[in-house]
Every structure is written in C-alpha cells, then in structure tokens.
C-alpha cells in the first residue's frame, strides 16, 4: 500500500488521466486534493513507471509506503475506506 502525492505543473494537464491510472493500480482513495492511497501488490518502482506514462516531465510525484497508525484530519468517507482497506482505526 502506498501514499501517492503529486504536483502537476502544466496548467493544461489532464488530472483525469492520472486519476484513472491511480484507480487502475488497485483499490484507491483520494485523501486530499493531490494525495491518494493505493492498495496494490506492485513494487514502488512499477507504480512510478506507470505514473510516468500519464504525467509530464515537469510534474512531480512521490510514491511512499503507507502504514498505520495514521494521524490526520480527513473526511469520514476516507476513514471508512481506510478501515476496510487498511485495517486501521483513527489514531487518538
């Protein structure tokens, strides 16, 4: 499971393409404007390779391991998704 965060630097970039690719990796949830959690068995280098196909060379992104516990201020919908896919609960 990974946290993917990105900055698309080209004003005309198609976020929908990136979002489709993130969803195609496995169960996924948009945490914030430019951050997703993706549940996949792919190694991080393969996730990076696939995202490179739908981003511009001026764009930035990072693929990081995602693990519990998580301390965050997120919507109830996101917490519900994580409780199913991450087997976690809100940290105090």
PDB file of N, CA and C in Angstrom:
ATOM      1  N   UNK A   1       0.842  -1.170   0.000  1.00  0.00           N
ATOM      2  CA  UNK A   1       0.000   0.000   0.000  1.00  0.00           C
ATOM      3  C   UNK A   1       0.890   1.235   0.000  1.00  0.00           C
ATOM      4  N   UNK A   2       0.500   2.218  -0.814  1.00  0.00           N
ATOM      5  CA  UNK A   2       1.326   3.413  -0.982  1.00  0.00           C
ATOM      6  C   UNK A   2       0.503   4.691  -0.850  1.00  0.00           C
ATOM      7  N   UNK A   3       1.172   5.721  -0.412  1.00  0.00           N
ATOM      8  CA  UNK A   3       0.659   7.071  -0.497  1.00  0.00           C
ATOM      9  C   UNK A   3       1.302   7.679  -1.740  1.00  0.00           C
ATOM     10  N   UNK A   4       0.491   8.205  -2.633  1.00  0.00           N
ATOM     11  CA  UNK A   4       0.983   8.874  -3.836  1.00  0.00           C
ATOM     12  C   UNK A   4       0.569  10.334  -3.745  1.00  0.00           C
ATOM     13  N   UNK A   5       1.540  11.216  -3.778  1.00  0.00           N
ATOM     14  CA  UNK A   5       1.286  12.649  -3.742  1.00  0.00           C
ATOM     15  C   UNK A   5       1.915  13.273  -4.981  1.00  0.00           C
ATOM     16  N   UNK A   6       1.264  14.284  -5.538  1.00  0.00           N
ATOM     17  CA  UNK A   6       1.755  14.842  -6.800  1.00  0.00           C
ATOM     18  C   UNK A   6       1.489  16.337  -6.899  1.00  0.00           C
ATOM     19  N   UNK A   7       2.306  16.981  -7.733  1.00  0.00           N
ATOM     20  CA  UNK A   7       2.104  18.361  -8.179  1.00  0.00           C
ATOM     21  C   UNK A   7       2.194  18.334  -9.694  1.00  0.00           C
ATOM     22  N   UNK A   8       1.075  18.566 -10.367  1.00  0.00           N
ATOM     23  CA  UNK A   8       1.085  18.658 -11.826  1.00  0.00           C
ATOM     24  C   UNK A   8       1.344  20.106 -12.184  1.00  0.00           C
ATOM     25  N   UNK A   9       2.455  20.352 -12.822  1.00  0.00           N
ATOM     26  CA  UNK A   9       2.928  21.722 -13.040  1.00  0.00           C
ATOM     27  C   UNK A   9       2.468  22.348 -14.354  1.00  0.00           C
ATOM     28  N   UNK A  10       1.949  21.555 -15.256  1.00  0.00           N
ATOM     29  CA  UNK A  10       1.488  22.090 -16.526  1.00  0.00           C
ATOM     30  C   UNK A  10       0.023  22.496 -16.377  1.00  0.00           C
ATOM     31  N   UNK A  11      -0.315  23.773 -16.628  1.00  0.00           N
ATOM     32  CA  UNK A  11      -1.684  24.252 -16.398  1.00  0.00           C
ATOM     33  C   UNK A  11      -2.742  23.465 -17.176  1.00  0.00           C
ATOM     34  N   UNK A  12      -2.386  22.928 -18.312  1.00  0.00           N
ATOM     35  CA  UNK A  12      -3.363  22.226 -19.144  1.00  0.00           C
ATOM     36  C   UNK A  12      -3.366  20.718 -18.914  1.00  0.00           C
ATOM     37  N   UNK A  13      -2.716  20.250 -17.862  1.00  0.00           N
ATOM     38  CA  UNK A  13      -2.614  18.816 -17.624  1.00  0.00           C
ATOM     39  C   UNK A  13      -3.983  18.196 -17.353  1.00  0.00           C
ATOM     40  N   UNK A  14      -4.112  16.951 -17.766  1.00  0.00           N
ATOM     41  CA  UNK A  14      -5.350  16.205 -17.609  1.00  0.00           C
ATOM     42  C   UNK A  14      -5.269  15.353 -16.339  1.00  0.00           C
ATOM     43  N   UNK A  15      -5.815  15.873 -15.245  1.00  0.00           N
ATOM     44  CA  UNK A  15      -5.813  15.123 -13.988  1.00  0.00           C
ATOM     45  C   UNK A  15      -6.586  13.818 -14.120  1.00  0.00           C
ATOM     46  N   UNK A  16      -7.599  13.794 -14.970  1.00  0.00           N
ATOM     47  CA  UNK A  16      -8.424  12.593 -15.114  1.00  0.00           C
ATOM     48  C   UNK A  16      -7.586  11.391 -15.541  1.00  0.00           C
ATOM     49  N   UNK A  17      -6.620  11.606 -16.401  1.00  0.00           N
ATOM     50  CA  UNK A  17      -5.746  10.502 -16.839  1.00  0.00           C
ATOM     51  C   UNK A  17      -4.958   9.927 -15.667  1.00  0.00           C
ATOM     52  N   UNK A  18      -4.402  10.808 -14.860  1.00  0.00           N
ATOM     53  CA  UNK A  18      -3.656  10.369 -13.691  1.00  0.00           C
ATOM     54  C   UNK A  18      -4.575   9.648 -12.712  1.00  0.00           C
ATOM     55  N   UNK A  19      -5.747  10.192 -12.477  1.00  0.00           N
ATOM     56  CA  UNK A  19      -6.686   9.582 -11.546  1.00  0.00           C
ATOM     57  C   UNK A  19      -7.125   8.202 -12.032  1.00  0.00           C
ATOM     58  N   UNK A  20      -7.351   8.050 -13.338  1.00  0.00           N
ATOM     59  CA  UNK A  20      -7.696   6.732 -13.886  1.00  0.00           C
ATOM     60  C   UNK A  20      -6.562   5.738 -13.668  1.00  0.00           C
ATOM     61  N   UNK A  21      -5.329   6.185 -13.872  1.00  0.00           N
ATOM     62  CA  UNK A  21      -4.183   5.295 -13.684  1.00  0.00           C
ATOM     63  C   UNK A  21      -4.044   4.895 -12.217  1.00  0.00           C
ATOM     64  N   UNK A  22      -4.222   5.840 -11.309  1.00  0.00           N
ATOM     65  CA  UNK A  22      -4.157   5.507  -9.890  1.00  0.00           C
ATOM     66  C   UNK A  22      -5.217   4.462  -9.534  1.00  0.00           C
ATOM     67  N   UNK A  23      -6.434   4.641 -10.039  1.00  0.00           N
ATOM     68  CA  UNK A  23      -7.504   3.684  -9.757  1.00  0.00           C
ATOM     69  C   UNK A  23      -7.208   2.319 -10.369  1.00  0.00           C
ATOM     70  N   UNK A  24      -6.528   2.294 -11.505  1.00  0.00           N
ATOM     71  CA  UNK A  24      -6.240   1.025 -12.183  1.00  0.00           C
ATOM     72  C   UNK A  24      -5.215   0.180 -11.424  1.00  0.00           C
ATOM     73  N   UNK A  25      -4.489   0.800 -10.491  1.00  0.00           N
ATOM     74  CA  UNK A  25      -3.473   0.075  -9.733  1.00  0.00           C
ATOM     75  C   UNK A  25      -4.080  -0.850  -8.686  1.00  0.00           C
ATOM     76  N   UNK A  26      -5.298  -0.596  -8.290  1.00  0.00           N
ATOM     77  CA  UNK A  26      -5.977  -1.384  -7.263  1.00  0.00           C
ATOM     78  C   UNK A  26      -6.903  -0.495  -6.473  1.00  0.00           C
ATOM     79  N   UNK A  27      -7.476  -1.024  -5.391  1.00  0.00           N
ATOM     80  CA  UNK A  27      -8.348  -0.185  -4.561  1.00  0.00           C
ATOM     81  C   UNK A  27      -7.621   1.111  -4.188  1.00  0.00           C
ATOM     82  N   UNK A  28      -8.298   2.228  -4.362  1.00  0.00           N
ATOM     83  CA  UNK A  28      -7.652   3.520  -4.132  1.00  0.00           C
ATOM     84  C   UNK A  28      -8.640   4.505  -3.542  1.00  0.00           C
ATOM     85  N   UNK A  29      -8.076   5.495  -2.873  1.00  0.00           N
ATOM     86  CA  UNK A  29      -8.890   6.522  -2.220  1.00  0.00           C
ATOM     87  C   UNK A  29      -8.155   7.852  -2.297  1.00  0.00           C
ATOM     88  N   UNK A  30      -8.869   8.874  -2.716  1.00  0.00           N
ATOM     89  CA  UNK A  30      -8.297  10.218  -2.746  1.00  0.00           C
ATOM     90  C   UNK A  30      -8.383  10.811  -1.349  1.00  0.00           C
ATOM     91  N   UNK A  31      -7.217  11.022  -0.735  1.00  0.00           N
ATOM     92  CA  UNK A  31      -7.180  11.551   0.625  1.00  0.00           C
ATOM     93  C   UNK A  31      -7.407  13.048   0.654  1.00  0.00           C
ATOM     94  N   UNK A  32      -6.697  13.733  -0.238  1.00  0.00           N
ATOM     95  CA  UNK A  32      -6.743  15.192  -0.310  1.00  0.00           C
ATOM     96  C   UNK A  32      -6.627  15.582  -1.775  1.00  0.00           C
ATOM     97  N   UNK A  33      -6.548  16.850  -2.051  1.00  0.00           N
ATOM     98  CA  UNK A  33      -6.524  17.350  -3.428  1.00  0.00           C
ATOM     99  C   UNK A  33      -5.504  16.614  -4.304  1.00  0.00           C
ATOM    100  N   UNK A  34      -4.309  16.410  -3.807  1.00  0.00           N
ATOM    101  CA  UNK A  34      -3.252  15.801  -4.623  1.00  0.00           C
ATOM    102  C   UNK A  34      -2.574  14.637  -3.902  1.00  0.00           C
ATOM    103  N   UNK A  35      -3.359  13.874  -3.158  1.00  0.00           N
ATOM    104  CA  UNK A  35      -2.794  12.731  -2.441  1.00  0.00           C
ATOM    105  C   UNK A  35      -3.789  11.579  -2.436  1.00  0.00           C
ATOM    106  N   UNK A  36      -3.297  10.414  -2.793  1.00  0.00           N
ATOM    107  CA  UNK A  36      -4.108   9.196  -2.852  1.00  0.00           C
ATOM    108  C   UNK A  36      -3.429   8.091  -2.058  1.00  0.00           C
ATOM    109  N   UNK A  37      -4.241   7.172  -1.540  1.00  0.00           N
ATOM    110  CA  UNK A  37      -3.728   5.905  -1.030  1.00  0.00           C
ATOM    111  C   UNK A  37      -4.135   4.846  -2.048  1.00  0.00           C
ATOM    112  N   UNK A  38      -3.174   4.012  -2.419  1.00  0.00           N
ATOM    113  CA  UNK A  38      -3.410   2.955  -3.398  1.00  0.00           C
ATOM    114  C   UNK A  38      -3.000   1.627  -2.782  1.00  0.00           C
ATOM    115  N   UNK A  39      -3.926   0.676  -2.801  1.00  0.00           N
ATOM    116  CA  UNK A  39      -3.644  -0.665  -2.279  1.00  0.00           C
ATOM    117  C   UNK A  39      -3.287  -1.553  -3.467  1.00  0.00           C
ATOM    118  N   UNK A  40      -2.001  -1.851  -3.608  1.00  0.00           N
ATOM    119  CA  UNK A  40      -1.519  -2.648  -4.726  1.00  0.00           C
ATOM    120  C   UNK A  40      -0.363  -3.523  -4.269  1.00  0.00           C
ATOM    121  N   UNK A  41      -0.181  -4.624  -4.955  1.00  0.00           N
ATOM    122  CA  UNK A  41       0.953  -5.511  -4.678  1.00  0.00           C
ATOM    123  C   UNK A  41       2.163  -5.149  -5.546  1.00  0.00           C
ATOM    124  N   UNK A  42       2.005  -4.176  -6.431  1.00  0.00           N
ATOM    125  CA  UNK A  42       3.110  -3.769  -7.296  1.00  0.00           C
ATOM    126  C   UNK A  42       4.227  -3.143  -6.472  1.00  0.00           C
ATOM    127  N   UNK A  43       5.487  -3.341  -6.879  1.00  0.00           N
ATOM    128  CA  UNK A  43       6.577  -2.648  -6.191  1.00  0.00           C
ATOM    129  C   UNK A  43       6.532  -1.155  -6.520  1.00  0.00           C
ATOM    130  N   UNK A  44       7.113  -0.313  -5.658  1.00  0.00           N
ATOM    131  CA  UNK A  44       7.025   1.136  -5.879  1.00  0.00           C
ATOM    132  C   UNK A  44       7.619   1.575  -7.214  1.00  0.00           C
ATOM    133  N   UNK A  45       8.656   0.909  -7.685  1.00  0.00           N
ATOM    134  CA  UNK A  45       9.245   1.277  -8.976  1.00  0.00           C
ATOM    135  C   UNK A  45       8.286   1.070 -10.127  1.00  0.00           C
ATOM    136  N   UNK A  46       7.457   0.034 -10.049  1.00  0.00           N
ATOM    137  CA  UNK A  46       6.459  -0.203 -11.097  1.00  0.00           C
ATOM    138  C   UNK A  46       5.340   0.826 -11.022  1.00  0.00           C
ATOM    139  N   UNK A  47       4.938   1.210  -9.823  1.00  0.00           N
ATOM    140  CA  UNK A  47       3.939   2.277  -9.678  1.00  0.00           C
ATOM    141  C   UNK A  47       4.493   3.552 -10.305  1.00  0.00           C
ATOM    142  N   UNK A  48       5.736   3.883 -10.005  1.00  0.00           N
ATOM    143  CA  UNK A  48       6.397   5.068 -10.584  1.00  0.00           C
ATOM    144  C   UNK A  48       6.408   4.992 -12.109  1.00  0.00           C
ATOM    145  N   UNK A  49       6.795   3.827 -12.649  1.00  0.00           N
ATOM    146  CA  UNK A  49       6.865   3.656 -14.106  1.00  0.00           C
ATOM    147  C   UNK A  49       5.505   3.914 -14.745  1.00  0.00           C
ATOM    148  N   UNK A  50       4.455   3.395 -14.151  1.00  0.00           N
ATOM    149  CA  UNK A  50       3.119   3.583 -14.712  1.00  0.00           C
ATOM    150  C   UNK A  50       2.655   5.034 -14.618  1.00  0.00           C
ATOM    151  N   UNK A  51       3.001   5.712 -13.534  1.00  0.00           N
ATOM    152  CA  UNK A  51       2.614   7.117 -13.403  1.00  0.00           C
ATOM    153  C   UNK A  51       3.398   8.011 -14.359  1.00  0.00           C
ATOM    154  N   UNK A  52       4.620   7.621 -14.665  1.00  0.00           N
ATOM    155  CA  UNK A  52       5.402   8.386 -15.642  1.00  0.00           C
ATOM    156  C   UNK A  52       4.735   8.412 -17.015  1.00  0.00           C
ATOM    157  N   UNK A  53       3.952   7.392 -17.326  1.00  0.00           N
ATOM    158  CA  UNK A  53       3.271   7.313 -18.621  1.00  0.00           C
ATOM    159  C   UNK A  53       2.134   8.325 -18.748  1.00  0.00           C
ATOM    160  N   UNK A  54       1.646   8.834 -17.620  1.00  0.00           N
ATOM    161  CA  UNK A  54       0.488   9.743 -17.658  1.00  0.00           C
ATOM    162  C   UNK A  54       0.795  11.108 -17.043  1.00  0.00           C
ATOM    163  N   UNK A  55       2.062  11.389 -16.812  1.00  0.00           N
ATOM    164  CA  UNK A  55       2.459  12.695 -16.291  1.00  0.00           C
ATOM    165  C   UNK A  55       3.476  13.323 -17.229  1.00  0.00           C
ATOM    166  N   UNK A  56       3.734  14.597 -17.027  1.00  0.00           N
ATOM    167  CA  UNK A  56       4.693  15.359 -17.824  1.00  0.00           C
ATOM    168  C   UNK A  56       6.015  15.395 -17.081  1.00  0.00           C
ATOM    169  N   UNK A  57       7.106  15.561 -17.798  1.00  0.00           N
ATOM    170  CA  UNK A  57       8.426  15.583 -17.145  1.00  0.00           C
ATOM    171  C   UNK A  57       8.576  16.726 -16.139  1.00  0.00           C
ATOM    172  N   UNK A  58       7.757  17.764 -16.265  1.00  0.00           N
ATOM    173  CA  UNK A  58       7.818  18.878 -15.309  1.00  0.00           C
ATOM    174  C   UNK A  58       7.019  18.597 -14.036  1.00  0.00           C
ATOM    175  N   UNK A  59       6.185  17.548 -14.068  1.00  0.00           N
ATOM    176  CA  UNK A  59       5.373  17.202 -12.897  1.00  0.00           C
ATOM    177  C   UNK A  59       6.233  16.513 -11.844  1.00  0.00           C
ATOM    178  N   UNK A  60       5.802  16.619 -10.613  1.00  0.00           N
ATOM    179  CA  UNK A  60       6.467  15.933  -9.505  1.00  0.00           C
ATOM    180  C   UNK A  60       5.481  14.965  -8.868  1.00  0.00           C
ATOM    181  N   UNK A  61       5.985  13.813  -8.434  1.00  0.00           N
ATOM    182  CA  UNK A  61       5.175  12.924  -7.611  1.00  0.00           C
ATOM    183  C   UNK A  61       6.094  12.052  -6.772  1.00  0.00           C
ATOM    184  N   UNK A  62       5.517  11.508  -5.712  1.00  0.00           N
ATOM    185  CA  UNK A  62       6.253  10.635  -4.819  1.00  0.00           C
ATOM    186  C   UNK A  62       5.366   9.440  -4.487  1.00  0.00           C
ATOM    187  N   UNK A  63       5.990   8.262  -4.406  1.00  0.00           N
ATOM    188  CA  UNK A  63       5.308   7.030  -4.038  1.00  0.00           C
ATOM    189  C   UNK A  63       5.950   6.550  -2.738  1.00  0.00           C
ATOM    190  N   UNK A  64       5.179   6.578  -1.642  1.00  0.00           N
ATOM    191  CA  UNK A  64       5.716   6.236  -0.324  1.00  0.00           C
ATOM    192  C   UNK A  64       4.935   5.086   0.301  1.00  0.00           C
ATOM    193  N   UNK A  65       5.593   4.229   1.069  1.00  0.00           N
ATOM    194  CA  UNK A  65       4.848   3.194   1.798  1.00  0.00           C
ATOM    195  C   UNK A  65       3.842   3.855   2.739  1.00  0.00           C
ATOM    196  N   UNK A  66       2.681   3.248   2.853  1.00  0.00           N
ATOM    197  CA  UNK A  66       1.612   3.772   3.707  1.00  0.00           C
ATOM    198  C   UNK A  66       1.331   2.749   4.794  1.00  0.00           C
ATOM    199  N   UNK A  67       1.408   3.159   6.043  1.00  0.00           N
ATOM    200  CA  UNK A  67       1.223   2.220   7.144  1.00  0.00           C
ATOM    201  C   UNK A  67       0.529   2.897   8.315  1.00  0.00           C
ATOM    202  N   UNK A  68       0.006   2.081   9.209  1.00  0.00           N
ATOM    203  CA  UNK A  68      -0.632   2.551  10.420  1.00  0.00           C
ATOM    204  C   UNK A  68       0.363   2.661  11.537  1.00  0.00           C
ATOM    205  N   UNK A  69       0.126   3.470  12.537  1.00  0.00           N
ATOM    206  CA  UNK A  69      -1.050   4.315  12.711  1.00  0.00           C
ATOM    207  C   UNK A  69      -0.970   5.566  11.857  1.00  0.00           C
ATOM    208  N   UNK A  70      -2.128   6.144  11.585  1.00  0.00           N
ATOM    209  CA  UNK A  70      -2.230   7.372  10.808  1.00  0.00           C
ATOM    210  C   UNK A  70      -2.867   8.444  11.684  1.00  0.00           C
ATOM    211  N   UNK A  71      -2.234   9.575  11.778  1.00  0.00           N
ATOM    212  CA  UNK A  71      -2.814  10.735  12.464  1.00  0.00           C
ATOM    213  C   UNK A  71      -3.108  11.774  11.390  1.00  0.00           C
ATOM    214  N   UNK A  72      -4.372  12.106  11.227  1.00  0.00           N
ATOM    215  CA  UNK A  72      -4.738  13.025  10.152  1.00  0.00           C
ATOM    216  C   UNK A  72      -6.111  13.615  10.431  1.00  0.00           C
ATOM    217  N   UNK A  73      -6.414  14.668   9.707  1.00  0.00           N
ATOM    218  CA  UNK A  73      -7.750  15.253   9.692  1.00  0.00           C
ATOM    219  C   UNK A  73      -8.304  14.969   8.306  1.00  0.00           C
ATOM    220  N   UNK A  74      -9.166  13.964   8.205  1.00  0.00           N
ATOM    221  CA  UNK A  74      -9.698  13.526   6.915  1.00  0.00           C
ATOM    222  C   UNK A  74     -11.206  13.347   7.021  1.00  0.00           C
ATOM    223  N   UNK A  75     -11.852  13.261   5.878  1.00  0.00           N
ATOM    224  CA  UNK A  75     -13.306  13.093   5.866  1.00  0.00           C
ATOM    225  C   UNK A  75     -13.676  11.709   6.402  1.00  0.00           C
ATOM    226  N   UNK A  76     -14.909  11.604   6.865  1.00  0.00           N
ATOM    227  CA  UNK A  76     -15.404  10.316   7.365  1.00  0.00           C
ATOM    228  C   UNK A  76     -15.396   9.266   6.252  1.00  0.00           C
ATOM    229  N   UNK A  77     -15.671   9.693   5.035  1.00  0.00           N
ATOM    230  CA  UNK A  77     -15.650   8.778   3.883  1.00  0.00           C
ATOM    231  C   UNK A  77     -14.261   8.152   3.704  1.00  0.00           C
ATOM    232  N   UNK A  78     -13.224   8.954   3.837  1.00  0.00           N
ATOM    233  CA  UNK A  78     -11.850   8.446   3.715  1.00  0.00           C
ATOM    234  C   UNK A  78     -11.547   7.488   4.860  1.00  0.00           C
ATOM    235  N   UNK A  79     -11.919   7.845   6.079  1.00  0.00           N
ATOM    236  CA  UNK A  79     -11.691   6.942   7.219  1.00  0.00           C
ATOM    237  C   UNK A  79     -12.406   5.615   7.021  1.00  0.00           C
ATOM    238  N   UNK A  80     -13.605   5.647   6.477  1.00  0.00           N
ATOM    239  CA  UNK A  80     -14.341   4.411   6.229  1.00  0.00           C
ATOM    240  C   UNK A  80     -13.612   3.546   5.207  1.00  0.00           C
ATOM    241  N   UNK A  81     -13.120   4.159   4.122  1.00  0.00           N
ATOM    242  CA  UNK A  81     -12.365   3.406   3.118  1.00  0.00           C
ATOM    243  C   UNK A  81     -11.133   2.779   3.766  1.00  0.00           C
ATOM    244  N   UNK A  82     -10.408   3.550   4.557  1.00  0.00           N
ATOM    245  CA  UNK A  82      -9.186   3.036   5.178  1.00  0.00           C
ATOM    246  C   UNK A  82      -9.496   1.937   6.185  1.00  0.00           C
ATOM    247  N   UNK A  83     -10.628   2.026   6.887  1.00  0.00           N
ATOM    248  CA  UNK A  83     -10.950   0.976   7.848  1.00  0.00           C
ATOM    249  C   UNK A  83     -11.181  -0.356   7.137  1.00  0.00           C
ATOM    250  N   UNK A  84     -11.660  -0.311   5.908  1.00  0.00           N
ATOM    251  CA  UNK A  84     -11.869  -1.527   5.113  1.00  0.00           C
ATOM    252  C   UNK A  84     -10.565  -2.004   4.491  1.00  0.00           C
ATOM    253  N   UNK A  85      -9.811  -1.098   3.876  1.00  0.00           N
ATOM    254  CA  UNK A  85      -8.644  -1.485   3.086  1.00  0.00           C
ATOM    255  C   UNK A  85      -7.334  -1.484   3.852  1.00  0.00           C
ATOM    256  N   UNK A  86      -7.270  -0.759   4.950  1.00  0.00           N
ATOM    257  CA  UNK A  86      -6.014  -0.653   5.696  1.00  0.00           C
ATOM    258  C   UNK A  86      -6.096  -1.326   7.058  1.00  0.00           C
ATOM    259  N   UNK A  87      -7.271  -1.794   7.420  1.00  0.00           N
ATOM    260  CA  UNK A  87      -7.469  -2.463   8.713  1.00  0.00           C
ATOM    261  C   UNK A  87      -7.033  -1.598   9.867  1.00  0.00           C
ATOM    262  N   UNK A  88      -7.277  -0.323   9.736  1.00  0.00           N
ATOM    263  CA  UNK A  88      -6.852   0.596  10.778  1.00  0.00           C
ATOM    264  C   UNK A  88      -8.009   1.362  11.369  1.00  0.00           C
ATOM    265  N   UNK A  89      -7.715   2.058  12.404  1.00  0.00           N
ATOM    266  CA  UNK A  89      -8.685   2.921  13.045  1.00  0.00           C
ATOM    267  C   UNK A  89      -8.046   4.290  13.241  1.00  0.00           C
ATOM    268  N   UNK A  90      -8.880   5.266  13.442  1.00  0.00           N
ATOM    269  CA  UNK A  90      -8.368   6.615  13.684  1.00  0.00           C
ATOM    270  C   UNK A  90      -7.429   6.592  14.883  1.00  0.00           C
ATOM    271  N   UNK A  91      -6.308   7.265  14.737  1.00  0.00           N
ATOM    272  CA  UNK A  91      -5.404   7.408  15.877  1.00  0.00           C
ATOM    273  C   UNK A  91      -5.898   8.526  16.776  1.00  0.00           C
ATOM    274  N   UNK A  92      -5.668   8.387  18.051  1.00  0.00           N
ATOM    275  CA  UNK A  92      -6.125   9.404  19.005  1.00  0.00           C
ATOM    276  C   UNK A  92      -5.283  10.652  18.903  1.00  0.00           C
TER     277      UNK A  92
END
